[in-house]
Amino acid sequence: MEAKQSLVDAHSNQLLQDWEAFVQARNQEELPQNSNRLAFADPQFLTRRETRGIRIQLELLKPDLIQQEMGIEHTVVIFGSARFCDRPTALRQLQKATDLGLAKDIQKAKAILKNSIYYDHARELGRLITQSCKTMPEKDRLFVCTGGGPGIMEAANRGAHDAEGLSVGLNIALPFEQEPNAYITKELSFRFHYFAVRKMHFMMRAKALVAFPGGFGTLDELFETLTLIQCKKSSPVPIILFGKDYWNKVFHPEVLVEEGAVSEEDLRYFNYVDDVQDAWQIIKDFYPNEVPKPI
């Protein structure tokens, strides 16, 4: 019995040493090679080019298994600019720019203040979805899912938090270190290295997509979704472009039809709205027997 316990203790100590080595590598500390280190706790092995497939598989499995365990099967994915903030923050930014007297900064701050309305809308939509779905059977509930960062993403997670519900954040590791926002459900805050795997997770559970005004990242995610649906790689879901004025300025799909690049029927995949209730109504109409009326 004592011999067995000694083996267990030795194995536990080795696991601890290997884990400490992994933490050292993560913190970019110098780590000597050690062929005796356990493979799954060996950062030099796991970060080799040849083990990329393992890393991709782990990024696919971890969020999937945890969401299954917590009953997250259906989501409404909400995209939008990481730069848009709430009105009080936008007002402070404008005041600071005005005090400094820099014309470009003042112009940018004014634009952020104008677009702060979308933060409010995204927060309200997150709250409405979460509150409305509380009466659904657990297996049918819709949950808010975002890219996990600041701006519109924070607002949507914040709305779900206001309604005391769960919400998902799929963050991405970036050179300038995008931190997860404070309103994601702690157990559902995931961090990815691979954009492709992250985008796969957006679509794996998406029952609807709402794109608020945003930049290259928002456009990338929007077109990824459109392409997957157009090519029948994903089932059709309602795609809602929130902010008619913005999207009419930056997105002209009719031109693609005129040039013969897409079919006119491809335009049926999305809807333009300016109102939170209208966005929610489109989702309800798409799933008439599954989504309840708002509370």
Protein backbone atom coordinates (compact mmCIF):
# COMPACT_ATOMS: atom_id res chain seq x y z
CA MET A 1 0.00 0.00 0.00
CA GLU A 2 2.85 2.35 0.91
CA ALA A 3 4.63 1.53 -2.35
CA LYS A 4 1.44 2.35 -4.33
CA GLN A 5 1.06 5.67 -2.50
CA SER A 6 4.70 6.51 -3.23
CA LEU A 7 4.07 5.95 -6.94
CA VAL A 8 1.01 8.22 -6.83
CA ASP A 9 2.97 10.93 -5.01
CA ALA A 10 5.84 10.67 -7.48
CA HIS A 11 3.47 10.93 -10.43
CA SER A 12 1.74 13.96 -8.86
CA ASN A 13 5.08 15.67 -8.28
CA GLN A 14 6.10 15.05 -11.87
CA LEU A 15 2.81 16.50 -13.12
CA LEU A 16 3.38 19.57 -10.97
CA GLN A 17 6.92 20.02 -12.29
CA ASP A 18 5.75 19.67 -15.88
CA TRP A 19 2.95 22.16 -15.30
CA GLU A 20 5.37 24.67 -13.79
CA ALA A 21 7.56 24.23 -16.85
CA PHE A 22 4.54 24.90 -19.07
CA VAL A 23 3.77 28.11 -17.13
CA GLN A 24 7.38 29.21 -17.53
CA ALA A 25 7.15 28.80 -21.28
CA ARG A 26 3.83 30.61 -21.43
CA ASN A 27 5.47 33.51 -19.62
CA GLN A 28 8.30 33.40 -22.18
CA GLU A 29 10.84 32.31 -19.59
CA GLU A 30 13.83 30.26 -20.73
CA LEU A 31 12.95 26.58 -20.58
CA PRO A 32 15.55 23.81 -21.04
CA GLN A 33 14.64 20.86 -23.21
CA ASN A 34 13.60 17.75 -21.35
CA SER A 35 12.69 14.60 -23.28
CA ASN A 36 11.35 13.05 -20.06
CA ARG A 37 8.65 15.69 -19.69
CA LEU A 38 5.06 14.48 -20.21
CA ALA A 39 4.04 15.20 -23.81
CA PHE A 40 0.78 16.99 -22.96
CA ALA A 41 2.62 19.31 -20.53
CA ASP A 42 5.62 19.96 -22.79
CA PRO A 43 5.27 23.39 -24.46
CA GLN A 44 8.29 22.83 -26.70
CA PHE A 45 6.57 19.77 -28.12
CA LEU A 46 3.05 21.23 -28.27
CA THR A 47 4.17 24.37 -30.09
CA ARG A 48 6.06 22.56 -32.86
CA ARG A 49 4.83 22.96 -36.42
CA GLU A 50 4.08 19.24 -36.57
CA THR A 51 1.70 19.40 -33.59
CA ARG A 52 -0.46 22.20 -35.01
CA GLY A 53 -3.24 19.71 -35.68
CA ILE A 54 -3.31 18.77 -32.00
CA ARG A 55 -3.56 22.42 -30.98
CA ILE A 56 -6.42 23.00 -33.43
CA GLN A 57 -8.24 19.94 -32.12
CA LEU A 58 -7.86 21.13 -28.52
CA GLU A 59 -9.26 24.57 -29.42
CA LEU A 60 -12.20 22.84 -31.05
CA LEU A 61 -12.85 20.41 -28.19
CA LYS A 62 -12.48 22.52 -25.05
CA PRO A 63 -15.20 25.15 -25.73
CA ASP A 64 -17.49 22.52 -27.27
CA LEU A 65 -17.36 20.17 -24.30
CA ILE A 66 -17.77 22.94 -21.72
CA GLN A 67 -20.75 24.45 -23.54
CA GLN A 68 -22.38 21.02 -23.77
CA GLU A 69 -21.91 20.54 -20.04
CA MET A 70 -23.52 23.91 -19.32
CA GLY A 71 -26.47 23.36 -21.64
CA ILE A 72 -25.46 25.86 -24.34
CA GLU A 73 -26.78 24.35 -27.57
CA HIS A 74 -28.27 27.35 -29.43
CA THR A 75 -26.92 30.89 -29.63
CA VAL A 76 -27.63 34.29 -31.13
CA VAL A 77 -24.24 35.56 -32.27
CA ILE A 78 -23.81 39.32 -31.95
CA PHE A 79 -20.96 41.04 -33.80
CA GLY A 80 -19.91 44.69 -33.89
CA SER A 81 -17.14 47.19 -33.35
CA ALA A 82 -14.83 46.78 -30.37
CA ARG A 83 -14.35 50.57 -30.42
CA PHE A 84 -17.92 51.70 -29.75
CA CYS A 85 -18.56 52.41 -26.07
CA ASP A 86 -21.44 53.56 -23.91
CA ARG A 87 -22.50 57.22 -24.00
CA PRO A 88 -20.89 58.33 -20.68
CA THR A 89 -17.52 56.93 -21.80
CA ALA A 90 -17.89 58.51 -25.24
CA LEU A 91 -18.66 61.89 -23.66
CA ARG A 92 -15.51 61.67 -21.53
CA GLN A 93 -13.45 60.83 -24.59
CA LEU A 94 -14.87 63.81 -26.47
CA GLN A 95 -14.16 66.14 -23.55
CA LYS A 96 -10.58 64.90 -23.34
CA ALA A 97 -10.06 65.39 -27.09
CA THR A 98 -11.61 68.86 -26.91
CA ASP A 99 -9.33 69.83 -24.02
CA LEU A 100 -6.28 68.75 -26.05
CA GLY A 101 -7.57 70.64 -29.09
CA LEU A 102 -6.54 68.02 -31.66
CA ALA A 103 -8.89 68.21 -34.64
CA LYS A 104 -8.54 64.57 -35.73
CA ASP A 105 -9.11 63.29 -32.21
CA ILE A 106 -12.15 65.53 -31.81
CA GLN A 107 -13.61 64.26 -35.08
CA LYS A 108 -13.02 60.64 -34.06
CA ALA A 109 -14.52 61.23 -30.60
CA LYS A 110 -17.62 62.76 -32.15
CA ALA A 111 -18.07 59.70 -34.35
CA ILE A 112 -17.69 57.41 -31.33
CA LEU A 113 -20.26 59.48 -29.45
CA LYS A 114 -22.71 59.25 -32.36
CA ASN A 115 -22.23 55.49 -32.56
CA SER A 116 -22.59 54.95 -28.82
CA ILE A 117 -26.29 54.46 -29.49
CA TYR A 118 -25.40 51.04 -30.91
CA TYR A 119 -23.88 50.06 -27.58
CA ASP A 120 -27.23 50.78 -25.96
CA HIS A 121 -29.09 48.81 -28.62
CA ALA A 122 -26.76 45.81 -28.34
CA ARG A 123 -27.11 45.81 -24.56
CA GLU A 124 -30.91 45.91 -24.81
CA LEU A 125 -30.93 43.14 -27.42
CA GLY A 126 -28.76 40.93 -25.21
CA ARG A 127 -31.13 41.53 -22.30
CA LEU A 128 -34.25 40.91 -24.39
CA ILE A 129 -32.97 37.62 -25.85
CA THR A 130 -31.88 36.33 -22.46
CA GLN A 131 -35.02 37.36 -20.60
CA SER A 132 -37.35 36.08 -23.29
CA CYS A 133 -35.73 32.66 -23.44
CA LYS A 134 -35.85 31.94 -19.73
CA THR A 135 -39.26 30.29 -20.06
CA MET A 136 -38.12 27.92 -22.81
CA PRO A 137 -37.18 24.28 -22.17
CA GLU A 138 -33.46 24.13 -21.44
CA LYS A 139 -32.67 22.23 -24.64
CA ASP A 140 -34.26 24.96 -26.80
CA ARG A 141 -32.99 28.15 -25.13
CA LEU A 142 -31.08 30.77 -27.06
CA PHE A 143 -27.99 32.29 -25.46
CA VAL A 144 -26.05 35.41 -26.39
CA CYS A 145 -22.65 34.71 -27.89
CA THR A 146 -20.07 37.38 -28.81
CA GLY A 147 -16.42 37.74 -29.69
CA GLY A 148 -15.79 38.36 -26.02
CA GLY A 149 -14.07 41.72 -26.33
CA PRO A 150 -15.06 45.34 -25.61
CA GLY A 151 -17.50 47.62 -27.44
CA ILE A 152 -20.58 46.03 -29.00
CA MET A 153 -19.46 42.62 -27.75
CA GLU A 154 -19.31 43.89 -24.18
CA ALA A 155 -22.72 45.52 -24.57
CA ALA A 156 -24.42 42.29 -25.68
CA ASN A 157 -22.83 40.26 -22.88
CA ARG A 158 -23.76 43.04 -20.48
CA GLY A 159 -27.40 42.84 -21.52
CA ALA A 160 -27.43 39.10 -20.84
CA HIS A 161 -25.81 39.82 -17.48
CA ASP A 162 -28.51 42.42 -16.75
CA ALA A 163 -31.10 39.67 -17.27
CA GLU A 164 -29.13 37.38 -14.92
CA GLY A 165 -28.51 34.84 -17.68
CA LEU A 166 -25.58 32.98 -19.15
CA SER A 167 -23.65 34.33 -22.13
CA VAL A 168 -20.66 33.15 -24.14
CA GLY A 169 -17.49 35.02 -25.13
CA LEU A 170 -15.15 33.65 -27.81
CA ASN A 171 -12.08 35.84 -27.44
CA ILE A 172 -9.00 35.85 -29.65
CA ALA A 173 -5.36 36.17 -28.62
CA LEU A 174 -3.99 39.30 -30.31
CA PRO A 175 -0.60 41.06 -30.21
CA PHE A 176 -2.19 43.98 -28.33
CA GLU A 177 -3.86 41.57 -25.87
CA GLN A 178 -7.62 41.89 -26.12
CA GLU A 179 -8.98 41.05 -22.68
CA PRO A 180 -12.38 39.39 -22.23
CA ASN A 181 -15.05 41.80 -21.08
CA ALA A 182 -16.32 41.62 -17.51
CA TYR A 183 -19.89 40.54 -18.38
CA ILE A 184 -19.26 37.14 -19.96
CA THR A 185 -20.27 34.20 -17.80
CA LYS A 186 -16.96 33.24 -16.22
CA GLU A 187 -17.17 29.54 -17.15
CA LEU A 188 -18.05 30.45 -20.77
CA SER A 189 -15.17 32.82 -21.50
CA PHE A 190 -12.93 31.12 -24.07
CA ARG A 191 -9.68 32.26 -25.67
CA PHE A 192 -8.52 31.18 -29.12
CA HIS A 193 -5.28 31.32 -31.05
CA TYR A 194 -6.77 30.29 -34.41
CA PHE A 195 -9.30 32.62 -36.04
CA ALA A 196 -10.62 29.74 -38.14
CA VAL A 197 -11.50 27.59 -35.12
CA ARG A 198 -13.04 30.56 -33.36
CA LYS A 199 -15.27 31.29 -36.37
CA MET A 200 -16.23 27.63 -36.54
CA HIS A 201 -17.45 27.88 -32.94
CA PHE A 202 -19.56 30.91 -33.82
CA MET A 203 -21.40 28.88 -36.44
CA MET A 204 -21.62 25.55 -34.61
CA ARG A 205 -24.44 26.78 -32.37
CA ALA A 206 -25.71 29.89 -34.16
CA LYS A 207 -29.46 30.13 -34.64
CA ALA A 208 -29.19 33.78 -35.71
CA LEU A 209 -26.54 36.40 -36.37
CA VAL A 210 -26.86 40.11 -35.61
CA ALA A 211 -24.18 42.34 -37.11
CA PHE A 212 -23.95 45.82 -35.59
CA PRO A 213 -21.77 48.48 -37.23
CA GLY A 214 -18.14 47.46 -37.12
CA GLY A 215 -14.84 47.28 -38.95
CA PHE A 216 -12.82 44.62 -40.75
CA GLY A 217 -13.43 41.97 -38.09
CA THR A 218 -17.20 42.44 -38.23
CA LEU A 219 -17.17 42.36 -42.04
CA ASP A 220 -15.02 39.24 -42.03
CA GLU A 221 -17.41 37.42 -39.72
CA LEU A 222 -20.44 38.62 -41.70
CA PHE A 223 -19.06 37.48 -45.05
CA GLU A 224 -17.88 34.18 -43.58
CA THR A 225 -21.44 33.48 -42.47
CA LEU A 226 -22.94 34.54 -45.80
CA THR A 227 -20.48 32.37 -47.70
CA LEU A 228 -21.12 29.28 -45.58
CA ILE A 229 -24.89 29.64 -46.02
CA GLN A 230 -24.67 30.46 -49.73
CA CYS A 231 -22.49 27.39 -50.32
CA LYS A 232 -24.81 25.27 -48.15
CA LYS A 233 -22.06 24.45 -45.70
CA SER A 234 -24.28 25.79 -42.91
CA SER A 235 -28.03 25.75 -42.48
CA PRO A 236 -29.77 29.08 -43.20
CA VAL A 237 -30.16 31.36 -40.19
CA PRO A 238 -31.55 34.90 -39.99
CA ILE A 239 -28.80 37.46 -40.57
CA ILE A 240 -29.71 40.86 -39.19
CA LEU A 241 -27.81 44.02 -40.12
CA PHE A 242 -28.50 46.45 -37.29
CA GLY A 243 -28.17 50.10 -38.28
CA LYS A 244 -29.67 50.73 -41.71
CA ASP A 245 -27.81 53.97 -42.36
CA TYR A 246 -24.43 52.43 -41.60
CA TRP A 247 -24.92 49.26 -43.61
CA ASN A 248 -26.41 51.09 -46.58
CA LYS A 249 -23.19 53.12 -46.74
CA VAL A 250 -20.68 50.29 -46.44
CA PHE A 251 -22.47 47.28 -47.95
CA HIS A 252 -23.96 47.26 -51.47
CA PRO A 253 -24.91 43.68 -52.33
CA GLU A 254 -27.16 44.90 -55.14
CA VAL A 255 -24.00 45.81 -57.06
CA LEU A 256 -22.86 42.19 -56.80
CA VAL A 257 -26.17 41.12 -58.34
CA GLU A 258 -25.86 43.71 -61.13
CA GLU A 259 -22.36 42.47 -61.94
CA GLY A 260 -23.49 38.84 -61.95
CA ALA A 261 -21.24 37.94 -59.01
CA VAL A 262 -24.09 36.64 -56.83
CA SER A 263 -27.68 35.62 -57.46
CA GLU A 264 -30.58 37.84 -56.49
CA GLU A 265 -31.89 35.06 -54.26
CA ASP A 266 -28.70 35.39 -52.17
CA LEU A 267 -29.99 38.74 -50.91
CA ARG A 268 -32.77 36.99 -49.01
CA TYR A 269 -30.31 35.91 -46.35
CA PHE A 270 -30.24 39.23 -44.47
CA ASN A 271 -32.50 41.94 -43.08
CA TYR A 272 -31.86 45.59 -42.16
CA VAL A 273 -33.25 46.91 -38.88
CA ASP A 274 -32.94 49.91 -36.57
CA ASP A 275 -34.99 48.61 -33.67
CA VAL A 276 -34.26 45.94 -31.07
CA GLN A 277 -37.83 44.64 -31.10
CA ASP A 278 -37.70 44.30 -34.89
CA ALA A 279 -34.50 42.28 -34.66
CA TRP A 280 -36.02 39.94 -32.09
CA GLN A 281 -39.20 39.63 -34.15
CA ILE A 282 -37.22 38.44 -37.20
CA ILE A 283 -35.63 35.71 -35.09
CA LYS A 284 -39.01 34.68 -33.64
CA ASP A 285 -40.60 34.57 -37.09
CA PHE A 286 -37.80 32.34 -38.35
CA TYR A 287 -38.43 29.88 -35.51
CA PRO A 288 -42.18 30.24 -34.90
CA ASN A 289 -42.54 27.05 -32.86
CA GLU A 290 -39.39 27.39 -30.76
CA VAL A 291 -38.89 30.98 -29.60
CA PRO A 292 -41.31 32.42 -27.00
CA LYS A 293 -42.82 35.88 -26.94
CA PRO A 294 -40.81 38.49 -25.03
CA ILE A 295 -41.53 38.77 -21.32
